[in-house]
Amino acid sequence: MDDFDIPIFKKVYDLYKTFYGCRAVIAKQDRYTIWQRCENIILDILEGILSASQTSKSEKLPILEKTSVKLNFLRVFLRLMKEMKTIDIKKYVTLEESVDEIGRMLGGWIRSTKER
């Protein structure tokens, strides 16, 4: 199995590209704080997905659960960025829709891993 063909990996990869595309409009004071934190979390999620795809079934669940927690942090930080007007509502909605879809996919992967 090619790890880069996993649908959730592609979704997170695209989320990063979308998020990165917002960088130019982020005020300098925010770019090195909450924006940087979100960027790092997205990269951590990408790393977690890739890592889980390459581990044995017994080691998969803790990695997926940790990745799910990171996704929840990302949700909170994106909401905070919207409320602080670091990103506009349109960008927020686009990013949040991606995060929601990734969350559903990750939840399904966690459930299927638990059932084995």
PDB file of N, CA and C in Angstrom:
ATOM      1  N   MET A   1       0.851  -1.195   0.000  1.00  0.00           N
ATOM      2  CA  MET A   1       0.000   0.000   0.000  1.00  0.00           C
ATOM      3  C   MET A   1       0.889   1.248   0.000  1.00  0.00           C
ATOM      4  N   ASP A   2       0.626   2.155  -0.892  1.00  0.00           N
ATOM      5  CA  ASP A   2       1.352   3.412  -0.934  1.00  0.00           C
ATOM      6  C   ASP A   2       0.707   4.361   0.071  1.00  0.00           C
ATOM      7  N   ASP A   3       1.469   4.757   1.071  1.00  0.00           N
ATOM      8  CA  ASP A   3       0.943   5.588   2.156  1.00  0.00           C
ATOM      9  C   ASP A   3       0.379   6.924   1.673  1.00  0.00           C
ATOM     10  N   PHE A   4       0.910   7.410   0.556  1.00  0.00           N
ATOM     11  CA  PHE A   4       0.451   8.697   0.045  1.00  0.00           C
ATOM     12  C   PHE A   4      -0.890   8.587  -0.673  1.00  0.00           C
ATOM     13  N   ASP A   5      -1.381   7.366  -0.877  1.00  0.00           N
ATOM     14  CA  ASP A   5      -2.678   7.162  -1.515  1.00  0.00           C
ATOM     15  C   ASP A   5      -3.824   7.054  -0.507  1.00  0.00           C
ATOM     16  N   ILE A   6      -3.513   7.099   0.778  1.00  0.00           N
ATOM     17  CA  ILE A   6      -4.542   7.020   1.815  1.00  0.00           C
ATOM     18  C   ILE A   6      -5.385   8.308   1.738  1.00  0.00           C
ATOM     19  N   PRO A   7      -6.715   8.179   1.611  1.00  0.00           N
ATOM     20  CA  PRO A   7      -7.561   9.378   1.478  1.00  0.00           C
ATOM     21  C   PRO A   7      -7.371  10.398   2.609  1.00  0.00           C
ATOM     22  N   ILE A   8      -7.251   9.943   3.856  1.00  0.00           N
ATOM     23  CA  ILE A   8      -7.100  10.894   4.965  1.00  0.00           C
ATOM     24  C   ILE A   8      -5.758  11.619   4.871  1.00  0.00           C
ATOM     25  N   PHE A   9      -4.732  10.931   4.390  1.00  0.00           N
ATOM     26  CA  PHE A   9      -3.435  11.584   4.207  1.00  0.00           C
ATOM     27  C   PHE A   9      -3.563  12.709   3.182  1.00  0.00           C
ATOM     28  N   LYS A  10      -4.252  12.415   2.080  1.00  0.00           N
ATOM     29  CA  LYS A  10      -4.449  13.430   1.039  1.00  0.00           C
ATOM     30  C   LYS A  10      -5.220  14.630   1.585  1.00  0.00           C
ATOM     31  N   LYS A  11      -6.233  14.361   2.428  1.00  0.00           N
ATOM     32  CA  LYS A  11      -7.049  15.439   3.003  1.00  0.00           C
ATOM     33  C   LYS A  11      -6.201  16.347   3.891  1.00  0.00           C
ATOM     34  N   VAL A  12      -5.374  15.740   4.743  1.00  0.00           N
ATOM     35  CA  VAL A  12      -4.537  16.537   5.643  1.00  0.00           C
ATOM     36  C   VAL A  12      -3.482  17.295   4.833  1.00  0.00           C
ATOM     37  N   TYR A  13      -2.943  16.653   3.827  1.00  0.00           N
ATOM     38  CA  TYR A  13      -1.967  17.268   2.933  1.00  0.00           C
ATOM     39  C   TYR A  13      -2.572  18.513   2.272  1.00  0.00           C
ATOM     40  N   ASP A  14      -3.797  18.362   1.768  1.00  0.00           N
ATOM     41  CA  ASP A  14      -4.499  19.490   1.145  1.00  0.00           C
ATOM     42  C   ASP A  14      -4.843  20.575   2.166  1.00  0.00           C
ATOM     43  N   LEU A  15      -5.199  20.164   3.383  1.00  0.00           N
ATOM     44  CA  LEU A  15      -5.478  21.136   4.449  1.00  0.00           C
ATOM     45  C   LEU A  15      -4.241  21.990   4.697  1.00  0.00           C
ATOM     46  N   TYR A  16      -3.084  21.359   4.744  1.00  0.00           N
ATOM     47  CA  TYR A  16      -1.850  22.112   4.966  1.00  0.00           C
ATOM     48  C   TYR A  16      -1.620  23.114   3.831  1.00  0.00           C
ATOM     49  N   LYS A  17      -1.807  22.656   2.598  1.00  0.00           N
ATOM     50  CA  LYS A  17      -1.597  23.555   1.454  1.00  0.00           C
ATOM     51  C   LYS A  17      -2.567  24.744   1.509  1.00  0.00           C
ATOM     52  N   THR A  18      -3.819  24.491   1.870  1.00  0.00           N
ATOM     53  CA  THR A  18      -4.812  25.564   2.001  1.00  0.00           C
ATOM     54  C   THR A  18      -4.416  26.518   3.118  1.00  0.00           C
ATOM     55  N   PHE A  19      -4.051  25.954   4.257  1.00  0.00           N
ATOM     56  CA  PHE A  19      -3.655  26.762   5.413  1.00  0.00           C
ATOM     57  C   PHE A  19      -2.431  27.607   5.064  1.00  0.00           C
ATOM     58  N   TYR A  20      -1.460  26.987   4.429  1.00  0.00           N
ATOM     59  CA  TYR A  20      -0.233  27.693   4.057  1.00  0.00           C
ATOM     60  C   TYR A  20      -0.538  28.848   3.107  1.00  0.00           C
ATOM     61  N   GLY A  21      -1.512  28.649   2.234  1.00  0.00           N
ATOM     62  CA  GLY A  21      -1.912  29.693   1.304  1.00  0.00           C
ATOM     63  C   GLY A  21      -2.462  30.939   1.979  1.00  0.00           C
ATOM     64  N   CYS A  22      -2.902  30.809   3.216  1.00  0.00           N
ATOM     65  CA  CYS A  22      -3.440  31.948   3.978  1.00  0.00           C
ATOM     66  C   CYS A  22      -2.324  32.796   4.599  1.00  0.00           C
ATOM     67  N   ARG A  23      -1.137  32.279   4.623  1.00  0.00           N
ATOM     68  CA  ARG A  23      -0.016  32.898   5.350  1.00  0.00           C
ATOM     69  C   ARG A  23       0.198  34.370   5.003  1.00  0.00           C
ATOM     70  N   ALA A  24       0.107  34.711   3.742  1.00  0.00           N
ATOM     71  CA  ALA A  24       0.397  36.075   3.288  1.00  0.00           C
ATOM     72  C   ALA A  24      -0.510  37.130   3.918  1.00  0.00           C
ATOM     73  N   VAL A  25      -1.730  36.753   4.251  1.00  0.00           N
ATOM     74  CA  VAL A  25      -2.674  37.733   4.808  1.00  0.00           C
ATOM     75  C   VAL A  25      -2.700  37.747   6.342  1.00  0.00           C
ATOM     76  N   ILE A  26      -1.858  36.929   6.951  1.00  0.00           N
ATOM     77  CA  ILE A  26      -1.819  36.873   8.419  1.00  0.00           C
ATOM     78  C   ILE A  26      -0.907  37.985   8.936  1.00  0.00           C
ATOM     79  N   ALA A  27      -1.415  38.770   9.881  1.00  0.00           N
ATOM     80  CA  ALA A  27      -0.619  39.859  10.458  1.00  0.00           C
ATOM     81  C   ALA A  27       0.631  39.280  11.127  1.00  0.00           C
ATOM     82  N   LYS A  28       1.698  40.041  11.070  1.00  0.00           N
ATOM     83  CA  LYS A  28       2.982  39.562  11.596  1.00  0.00           C
ATOM     84  C   LYS A  28       2.878  39.140  13.065  1.00  0.00           C
ATOM     85  N   GLN A  29       2.127  39.901  13.857  1.00  0.00           N
ATOM     86  CA  GLN A  29       2.013  39.575  15.284  1.00  0.00           C
ATOM     87  C   GLN A  29       1.358  38.212  15.513  1.00  0.00           C
ATOM     88  N   ASP A  30       0.498  37.797  14.586  1.00  0.00           N
ATOM     89  CA  ASP A  30      -0.182  36.507  14.715  1.00  0.00           C
ATOM     90  C   ASP A  30       0.580  35.383  14.022  1.00  0.00           C
ATOM     91  N   ARG A  31       1.358  35.750  13.009  1.00  0.00           N
ATOM     92  CA  ARG A  31       2.041  34.746  12.199  1.00  0.00           C
ATOM     93  C   ARG A  31       3.019  33.907  13.022  1.00  0.00           C
ATOM     94  N   TYR A  32       3.616  34.512  14.016  1.00  0.00           N
ATOM     95  CA  TYR A  32       4.625  33.790  14.806  1.00  0.00           C
ATOM     96  C   TYR A  32       4.080  33.276  16.132  1.00  0.00           C
ATOM     97  N   THR A  33       2.782  33.348  16.291  1.00  0.00           N
ATOM     98  CA  THR A  33       2.165  32.819  17.519  1.00  0.00           C
ATOM     99  C   THR A  33       1.137  31.758  17.133  1.00  0.00           C
ATOM    100  N   ILE A  34      -0.132  32.135  17.140  1.00  0.00           N
ATOM    101  CA  ILE A  34      -1.190  31.142  16.925  1.00  0.00           C
ATOM    102  C   ILE A  34      -1.146  30.529  15.524  1.00  0.00           C
ATOM    103  N   TRP A  35      -0.783  31.313  14.523  1.00  0.00           N
ATOM    104  CA  TRP A  35      -0.721  30.754  13.166  1.00  0.00           C
ATOM    105  C   TRP A  35       0.359  29.689  13.079  1.00  0.00           C
ATOM    106  N   GLN A  36       1.530  29.998  13.652  1.00  0.00           N
ATOM    107  CA  GLN A  36       2.644  29.045  13.655  1.00  0.00           C
ATOM    108  C   GLN A  36       2.268  27.777  14.414  1.00  0.00           C
ATOM    109  N   ARG A  37       1.542  27.960  15.518  1.00  0.00           N
ATOM    110  CA  ARG A  37       1.099  26.822  16.330  1.00  0.00           C
ATOM    111  C   ARG A  37       0.178  25.919  15.508  1.00  0.00           C
ATOM    112  N   CYS A  38      -0.764  26.518  14.787  1.00  0.00           N
ATOM    113  CA  CYS A  38      -1.676  25.745  13.936  1.00  0.00           C
ATOM    114  C   CYS A  38      -0.912  25.026  12.834  1.00  0.00           C
ATOM    115  N   GLU A  39       0.026  25.708  12.223  1.00  0.00           N
ATOM    116  CA  GLU A  39       0.816  25.082  11.165  1.00  0.00           C
ATOM    117  C   GLU A  39       1.543  23.850  11.708  1.00  0.00           C
ATOM    118  N   ASN A  40       2.140  23.986  12.888  1.00  0.00           N
ATOM    119  CA  ASN A  40       2.854  22.855  13.496  1.00  0.00           C
ATOM    120  C   ASN A  40       1.910  21.705  13.832  1.00  0.00           C
ATOM    121  N   ILE A  41       0.713  22.029  14.297  1.00  0.00           N
ATOM    122  CA  ILE A  41      -0.263  20.985  14.626  1.00  0.00           C
ATOM    123  C   ILE A  41      -0.690  20.235  13.360  1.00  0.00           C
ATOM    124  N   ILE A  42      -0.920  20.963  12.269  1.00  0.00           N
ATOM    125  CA  ILE A  42      -1.295  20.299  11.014  1.00  0.00           C
ATOM    126  C   ILE A  42      -0.174  19.351  10.581  1.00  0.00           C
ATOM    127  N   LEU A  43       1.065  19.798  10.703  1.00  0.00           N
ATOM    128  CA  LEU A  43       2.201  18.940  10.352  1.00  0.00           C
ATOM    129  C   LEU A  43       2.280  17.727  11.274  1.00  0.00           C
ATOM    130  N   ASP A  44       1.976  17.927  12.563  1.00  0.00           N
ATOM    131  CA  ASP A  44       1.935  16.801  13.519  1.00  0.00           C
ATOM    132  C   ASP A  44       0.857  15.791  13.132  1.00  0.00           C
ATOM    133  N   ILE A  45      -0.296  16.296  12.695  1.00  0.00           N
ATOM    134  CA  ILE A  45      -1.401  15.423  12.277  1.00  0.00           C
ATOM    135  C   ILE A  45      -0.979  14.622  11.043  1.00  0.00           C
ATOM    136  N   LEU A  46      -0.350  15.298  10.096  1.00  0.00           N
ATOM    137  CA  LEU A  46       0.148  14.635   8.882  1.00  0.00           C
ATOM    138  C   LEU A  46       1.140  13.531   9.254  1.00  0.00           C
ATOM    139  N   GLU A  47       2.016  13.859  10.174  1.00  0.00           N
ATOM    140  CA  GLU A  47       3.008  12.891  10.652  1.00  0.00           C
ATOM    141  C   GLU A  47       2.325  11.710  11.351  1.00  0.00           C
ATOM    142  N   GLY A  48       1.313  11.990  12.157  1.00  0.00           N
ATOM    143  CA  GLY A  48       0.586  10.942  12.866  1.00  0.00           C
ATOM    144  C   GLY A  48      -0.118   9.988  11.922  1.00  0.00           C
ATOM    145  N   ILE A  49      -0.749  10.532  10.886  1.00  0.00           N
ATOM    146  CA  ILE A  49      -1.449   9.709   9.891  1.00  0.00           C
ATOM    147  C   ILE A  49      -0.453   8.800   9.176  1.00  0.00           C
ATOM    148  N   LEU A  50       0.654   9.376   8.757  1.00  0.00           N
ATOM    149  CA  LEU A  50       1.677   8.612   8.054  1.00  0.00           C
ATOM    150  C   LEU A  50       2.264   7.538   8.967  1.00  0.00           C
ATOM    151  N   SER A  51       2.510   7.910  10.201  1.00  0.00           N
ATOM    152  CA  SER A  51       3.065   6.987  11.183  1.00  0.00           C
ATOM    153  C   SER A  51       2.107   5.823  11.447  1.00  0.00           C
ATOM    154  N   ALA A  52       0.830   6.140  11.646  1.00  0.00           N
ATOM    155  CA  ALA A  52      -0.171   5.099  11.918  1.00  0.00           C
ATOM    156  C   ALA A  52      -0.306   4.153  10.731  1.00  0.00           C
ATOM    157  N   SER A  53      -0.163   4.692   9.531  1.00  0.00           N
ATOM    158  CA  SER A  53      -0.315   3.850   8.342  1.00  0.00           C
ATOM    159  C   SER A  53       0.838   2.857   8.196  1.00  0.00           C
ATOM    160  N   GLN A  54       1.919   3.104   8.893  1.00  0.00           N
ATOM    161  CA  GLN A  54       3.105   2.261   8.761  1.00  0.00           C
ATOM    162  C   GLN A  54       3.385   1.402   9.993  1.00  0.00           C
ATOM    163  N   THR A  55       2.453   1.392  10.944  1.00  0.00           N
ATOM    164  CA  THR A  55       2.683   0.606  12.160  1.00  0.00           C
ATOM    165  C   THR A  55       1.760  -0.605  12.202  1.00  0.00           C
ATOM    166  N   SER A  56       2.113  -1.517  13.080  1.00  0.00           N
ATOM    167  CA  SER A  56       1.298  -2.715  13.258  1.00  0.00           C
ATOM    168  C   SER A  56      -0.032  -2.340  13.914  1.00  0.00           C
ATOM    169  N   LYS A  57      -1.006  -3.231  13.773  1.00  0.00           N
ATOM    170  CA  LYS A  57      -2.344  -2.971  14.313  1.00  0.00           C
ATOM    171  C   LYS A  57      -2.315  -2.640  15.799  1.00  0.00           C
ATOM    172  N   SER A  58      -1.487  -3.327  16.560  1.00  0.00           N
ATOM    173  CA  SER A  58      -1.445  -3.107  18.013  1.00  0.00           C
ATOM    174  C   SER A  58      -0.891  -1.730  18.377  1.00  0.00           C
ATOM    175  N   GLU A  59      -0.052  -1.160  17.525  1.00  0.00           N
ATOM    176  CA  GLU A  59       0.548   0.145  17.821  1.00  0.00           C
ATOM    177  C   GLU A  59      -0.231   1.304  17.203  1.00  0.00           C
ATOM    178  N   LYS A  60      -1.159   0.986  16.323  1.00  0.00           N
ATOM    179  CA  LYS A  60      -1.908   2.000  15.577  1.00  0.00           C
ATOM    180  C   LYS A  60      -2.812   2.872  16.451  1.00  0.00           C
ATOM    181  N   LEU A  61      -3.579   2.246  17.341  1.00  0.00           N
ATOM    182  CA  LEU A  61      -4.603   2.962  18.110  1.00  0.00           C
ATOM    183  C   LEU A  61      -4.046   4.143  18.918  1.00  0.00           C
ATOM    184  N   PRO A  62      -2.966   3.966  19.699  1.00  0.00           N
ATOM    185  CA  PRO A  62      -2.456   5.118  20.456  1.00  0.00           C
ATOM    186  C   PRO A  62      -2.033   6.287  19.556  1.00  0.00           C
ATOM    187  N   ILE A  63      -1.470   5.979  18.407  1.00  0.00           N
ATOM    188  CA  ILE A  63      -1.049   7.029  17.470  1.00  0.00           C
ATOM    189  C   ILE A  63      -2.270   7.760  16.927  1.00  0.00           C
ATOM    190  N   LEU A  64      -3.298   6.996  16.544  1.00  0.00           N
ATOM    191  CA  LEU A  64      -4.521   7.605  16.004  1.00  0.00           C
ATOM    192  C   LEU A  64      -5.223   8.458  17.061  1.00  0.00           C
ATOM    193  N   GLU A  65      -5.265   7.972  18.304  1.00  0.00           N
ATOM    194  CA  GLU A  65      -5.922   8.733  19.372  1.00  0.00           C
ATOM    195  C   GLU A  65      -5.172  10.026  19.668  1.00  0.00           C
ATOM    196  N   LYS A  66      -3.853   9.966  19.666  1.00  0.00           N
ATOM    197  CA  LYS A  66      -3.040  11.166  19.887  1.00  0.00           C
ATOM    198  C   LYS A  66      -3.265  12.161  18.742  1.00  0.00           C
ATOM    199  N   THR A  67      -3.366  11.651  17.533  1.00  0.00           N
ATOM    200  CA  THR A  67      -3.615  12.492  16.362  1.00  0.00           C
ATOM    201  C   THR A  67      -4.994  13.140  16.459  1.00  0.00           C
ATOM    202  N   SER A  68      -5.965  12.408  16.975  1.00  0.00           N
ATOM    203  CA  SER A  68      -7.313  12.938  17.161  1.00  0.00           C
ATOM    204  C   SER A  68      -7.322  14.100  18.161  1.00  0.00           C
ATOM    205  N   VAL A  69      -6.535  13.980  19.219  1.00  0.00           N
ATOM    206  CA  VAL A  69      -6.422  15.064  20.209  1.00  0.00           C
ATOM    207  C   VAL A  69      -5.825  16.303  19.543  1.00  0.00           C
ATOM    208  N   LYS A  70      -4.808  16.091  18.722  1.00  0.00           N
ATOM    209  CA  LYS A  70      -4.177  17.212  17.994  1.00  0.00           C
ATOM    210  C   LYS A  70      -5.210  17.902  17.086  1.00  0.00           C
ATOM    211  N   LEU A  71      -6.050  17.098  16.451  1.00  0.00           N
ATOM    212  CA  LEU A  71      -7.085  17.652  15.580  1.00  0.00           C
ATOM    213  C   LEU A  71      -8.049  18.527  16.389  1.00  0.00           C
ATOM    214  N   ASN A  72      -8.365  18.099  17.603  1.00  0.00           N
ATOM    215  CA  ASN A  72      -9.238  18.899  18.467  1.00  0.00           C
ATOM    216  C   ASN A  72      -8.570  20.210  18.879  1.00  0.00           C
ATOM    217  N   PHE A  73      -7.264  20.174  19.149  1.00  0.00           N
ATOM    218  CA  PHE A  73      -6.528  21.415  19.433  1.00  0.00           C
ATOM    219  C   PHE A  73      -6.633  22.355  18.238  1.00  0.00           C
ATOM    220  N   LEU A  74      -6.457  21.788  17.046  1.00  0.00           N
ATOM    221  CA  LEU A  74      -6.519  22.594  15.833  1.00  0.00           C
ATOM    222  C   LEU A  74      -7.885  23.267  15.698  1.00  0.00           C
ATOM    223  N   ARG A  75      -8.945  22.528  15.988  1.00  0.00           N
ATOM    224  CA  ARG A  75     -10.304  23.109  15.936  1.00  0.00           C
ATOM    225  C   ARG A  75     -10.415  24.336  16.837  1.00  0.00           C
ATOM    226  N   VAL A  76      -9.924  24.197  18.064  1.00  0.00           N
ATOM    227  CA  VAL A  76     -10.008  25.289  19.040  1.00  0.00           C
ATOM    228  C   VAL A  76      -9.187  26.493  18.570  1.00  0.00           C
ATOM    229  N   PHE A  77      -7.973  26.236  18.087  1.00  0.00           N
ATOM    230  CA  PHE A  77      -7.113  27.332  17.656  1.00  0.00           C
ATOM    231  C   PHE A  77      -7.658  28.035  16.415  1.00  0.00           C
ATOM    232  N   LEU A  78      -8.263  27.274  15.501  1.00  0.00           N
ATOM    233  CA  LEU A  78      -8.876  27.899  14.318  1.00  0.00           C
ATOM    234  C   LEU A  78     -10.049  28.791  14.736  1.00  0.00           C
ATOM    235  N   ARG A  79     -10.850  28.302  15.683  1.00  0.00           N
ATOM    236  CA  ARG A  79     -11.982  29.096  16.177  1.00  0.00           C
ATOM    237  C   ARG A  79     -11.471  30.382  16.831  1.00  0.00           C
ATOM    238  N   LEU A  80     -10.400  30.245  17.595  1.00  0.00           N
ATOM    239  CA  LEU A  80      -9.790  31.403  18.245  1.00  0.00           C
ATOM    240  C   LEU A  80      -9.270  32.405  17.216  1.00  0.00           C
ATOM    241  N   MET A  81      -8.658  31.894  16.149  1.00  0.00           N
ATOM    242  CA  MET A  81      -8.164  32.772  15.086  1.00  0.00           C
ATOM    243  C   MET A  81      -9.314  33.522  14.417  1.00  0.00           C
ATOM    244  N   LYS A  82     -10.447  32.834  14.247  1.00  0.00           N
ATOM    245  CA  LYS A  82     -11.620  33.485  13.653  1.00  0.00           C
ATOM    246  C   LYS A  82     -12.128  34.584  14.585  1.00  0.00           C
ATOM    247  N   GLU A  83     -12.248  34.266  15.867  1.00  0.00           N
ATOM    248  CA  GLU A  83     -12.791  35.228  16.830  1.00  0.00           C
ATOM    249  C   GLU A  83     -11.871  36.434  17.019  1.00  0.00           C
ATOM    250  N   MET A  84     -10.568  36.217  16.867  1.00  0.00           N
ATOM    251  CA  MET A  84      -9.610  37.315  17.002  1.00  0.00           C
ATOM    252  C   MET A  84      -9.402  38.031  15.662  1.00  0.00           C
ATOM    253  N   LYS A  85     -10.143  37.585  14.655  1.00  0.00           N
ATOM    254  CA  LYS A  85     -10.085  38.142  13.302  1.00  0.00           C
ATOM    255  C   LYS A  85      -8.694  38.024  12.672  1.00  0.00           C
ATOM    256  N   THR A  86      -7.985  36.962  13.050  1.00  0.00           N
ATOM    257  CA  THR A  86      -6.701  36.655  12.423  1.00  0.00           C
ATOM    258  C   THR A  86      -6.960  36.125  11.017  1.00  0.00           C
ATOM    259  N   ILE A  87      -8.052  35.341  10.883  1.00  0.00           N
ATOM    260  CA  ILE A  87      -8.488  34.886   9.562  1.00  0.00           C
ATOM    261  C   ILE A  87      -9.943  35.301   9.392  1.00  0.00           C
ATOM    262  N   ASP A  88     -10.339  35.527   8.151  1.00  0.00           N
ATOM    263  CA  ASP A  88     -11.722  35.929   7.914  1.00  0.00           C
ATOM    264  C   ASP A  88     -12.642  34.705   7.950  1.00  0.00           C
ATOM    265  N   ILE A  89     -13.922  34.974   8.001  1.00  0.00           N
ATOM    266  CA  ILE A  89     -14.923  33.915   8.162  1.00  0.00           C
ATOM    267  C   ILE A  89     -14.891  32.929   6.991  1.00  0.00           C
ATOM    268  N   LYS A  90     -14.649  33.424   5.783  1.00  0.00           N
ATOM    269  CA  LYS A  90     -14.624  32.554   4.599  1.00  0.00           C
ATOM    270  C   LYS A  90     -13.489  31.527   4.712  1.00  0.00           C
ATOM    271  N   LYS A  91     -12.303  31.987   5.087  1.00  0.00           N
ATOM    272  CA  LYS A  91     -11.162  31.073   5.256  1.00  0.00           C
ATOM    273  C   LYS A  91     -11.431  30.097   6.399  1.00  0.00           C
ATOM    274  N   TYR A  92     -12.028  30.626   7.477  1.00  0.00           N
ATOM    275  CA  TYR A  92     -12.348  29.781   8.620  1.00  0.00           C
ATOM    276  C   TYR A  92     -13.281  28.640   8.213  1.00  0.00           C
ATOM    277  N   VAL A  93     -14.322  28.969   7.472  1.00  0.00           N
ATOM    278  CA  VAL A  93     -15.299  27.959   7.047  1.00  0.00           C
ATOM    279  C   VAL A  93     -14.618  26.903   6.176  1.00  0.00           C
ATOM    280  N   THR A  94     -13.791  27.340   5.242  1.00  0.00           N
ATOM    281  CA  THR A  94     -13.065  26.411   4.368  1.00  0.00           C
ATOM    282  C   THR A  94     -12.176  25.469   5.194  1.00  0.00           C
ATOM    283  N   LEU A  95     -11.419  26.032   6.114  1.00  0.00           N
ATOM    284  CA  LEU A  95     -10.513  25.227   6.944  1.00  0.00           C
ATOM    285  C   LEU A  95     -11.301  24.296   7.863  1.00  0.00           C
ATOM    286  N   GLU A  96     -12.356  24.816   8.458  1.00  0.00           N
ATOM    287  CA  GLU A  96     -13.155  24.026   9.402  1.00  0.00           C
ATOM    288  C   GLU A  96     -13.850  22.862   8.706  1.00  0.00           C
ATOM    289  N   GLU A  97     -14.308  23.071   7.482  1.00  0.00           N
ATOM    290  CA  GLU A  97     -14.935  21.978   6.731  1.00  0.00           C
ATOM    291  C   GLU A  97     -13.932  20.850   6.485  1.00  0.00           C
ATOM    292  N   SER A  98     -12.698  21.216   6.164  1.00  0.00           N
ATOM    293  CA  SER A  98     -11.644  20.209   5.967  1.00  0.00           C
ATOM    294  C   SER A  98     -11.356  19.470   7.267  1.00  0.00           C
ATOM    295  N   VAL A  99     -11.252  20.227   8.351  1.00  0.00           N
ATOM    296  CA  VAL A  99     -10.973  19.623   9.663  1.00  0.00           C
ATOM    297  C   VAL A  99     -12.103  18.665  10.055  1.00  0.00           C
ATOM    298  N   ASP A 100     -13.343  19.069   9.800  1.00  0.00           N
ATOM    299  CA  ASP A 100     -14.490  18.200  10.117  1.00  0.00           C
ATOM    300  C   ASP A 100     -14.426  16.895   9.324  1.00  0.00           C
ATOM    301  N   GLU A 101     -14.109  17.001   8.049  1.00  0.00           N
ATOM    302  CA  GLU A 101     -14.033  15.800   7.214  1.00  0.00           C
ATOM    303  C   GLU A 101     -12.887  14.890   7.670  1.00  0.00           C
ATOM    304  N   ILE A 102     -11.753  15.493   7.993  1.00  0.00           N
ATOM    305  CA  ILE A 102     -10.614  14.719   8.509  1.00  0.00           C
ATOM    306  C   ILE A 102     -11.014  14.049   9.823  1.00  0.00           C
ATOM    307  N   GLY A 103     -11.747  14.766  10.649  1.00  0.00           N
ATOM    308  CA  GLY A 103     -12.216  14.218  11.930  1.00  0.00           C
ATOM    309  C   GLY A 103     -13.112  13.002  11.739  1.00  0.00           C
ATOM    310  N   ARG A 104     -13.999  13.077  10.763  1.00  0.00           N
ATOM    311  CA  ARG A 104     -14.873  11.935  10.476  1.00  0.00           C
ATOM    312  C   ARG A 104     -14.055  10.739   9.987  1.00  0.00           C
ATOM    313  N   MET A 105     -13.108  11.003   9.105  1.00  0.00           N
ATOM    314  CA  MET A 105     -12.272   9.927   8.570  1.00  0.00           C
ATOM    315  C   MET A 105     -11.415   9.303   9.682  1.00  0.00           C
ATOM    316  N   LEU A 106     -10.859  10.148  10.520  1.00  0.00           N
ATOM    317  CA  LEU A 106     -10.018   9.681  11.618  1.00  0.00           C
ATOM    318  C   LEU A 106     -10.848   8.884  12.622  1.00  0.00           C
ATOM    319  N   GLY A 107     -12.044   9.361  12.912  1.00  0.00           N
ATOM    320  CA  GLY A 107     -12.950   8.650  13.815  1.00  0.00           C
ATOM    321  C   GLY A 107     -13.290   7.262  13.290  1.00  0.00           C
ATOM    322  N   GLY A 108     -13.532   7.176  11.997  1.00  0.00           N
ATOM    323  CA  GLY A 108     -13.816   5.882  11.370  1.00  0.00           C
ATOM    324  C   GLY A 108     -12.629   4.944  11.452  1.00  0.00           C
ATOM    325  N   TRP A 109     -11.439   5.482  11.252  1.00  0.00           N
ATOM    326  CA  TRP A 109     -10.217   4.672  11.325  1.00  0.00           C
ATOM    327  C   TRP A 109     -10.001   4.168  12.749  1.00  0.00           C
ATOM    328  N   ILE A 110     -10.254   5.039  13.719  1.00  0.00           N
ATOM    329  CA  ILE A 110     -10.111   4.647  15.135  1.00  0.00           C
ATOM    330  C   ILE A 110     -11.109   3.549  15.469  1.00  0.00           C
ATOM    331  N   ARG A 111     -12.373   3.718  15.051  1.00  0.00           N
ATOM    332  CA  ARG A 111     -13.392   2.703  15.326  1.00  0.00           C
ATOM    333  C   ARG A 111     -13.034   1.372  14.695  1.00  0.00           C
ATOM    334  N   SER A 112     -12.593   1.408  13.451  1.00  0.00           N
ATOM    335  CA  SER A 112     -12.256   0.138  12.775  1.00  0.00           C
ATOM    336  C   SER A 112     -11.027  -0.520  13.398  1.00  0.00           C
ATOM    337  N   THR A 113     -10.132   0.281  13.939  1.00  0.00           N
ATOM    338  CA  THR A 113      -8.934  -0.269  14.601  1.00  0.00           C
ATOM    339  C   THR A 113      -9.326  -0.918  15.939  1.00  0.00           C
ATOM    340  N   LYS A 114     -10.286  -0.307  16.638  1.00  0.00           N
ATOM    341  CA  LYS A 114     -10.756  -0.865  17.914  1.00  0.00           C
ATOM    342  C   LYS A 114     -11.503  -2.171  17.732  1.00  0.00           C
ATOM    343  N   GLU A 115     -12.193  -2.317  16.608  1.00  0.00           N
ATOM    344  CA  GLU A 115     -13.006  -3.515  16.364  1.00  0.00           C
ATOM    345  C   GLU A 115     -12.196  -4.753  16.054  1.00  0.00           C
ATOM    346  N   ARG A 116     -10.944  -4.581  15.707  1.00  0.00           N
ATOM    347  CA  ARG A 116     -10.104  -5.733  15.319  1.00  0.00           C
ATOM    348  C   ARG A 116      -9.623  -6.528  16.493  1.00  0.00           C
TER     349      ARG A 116
END
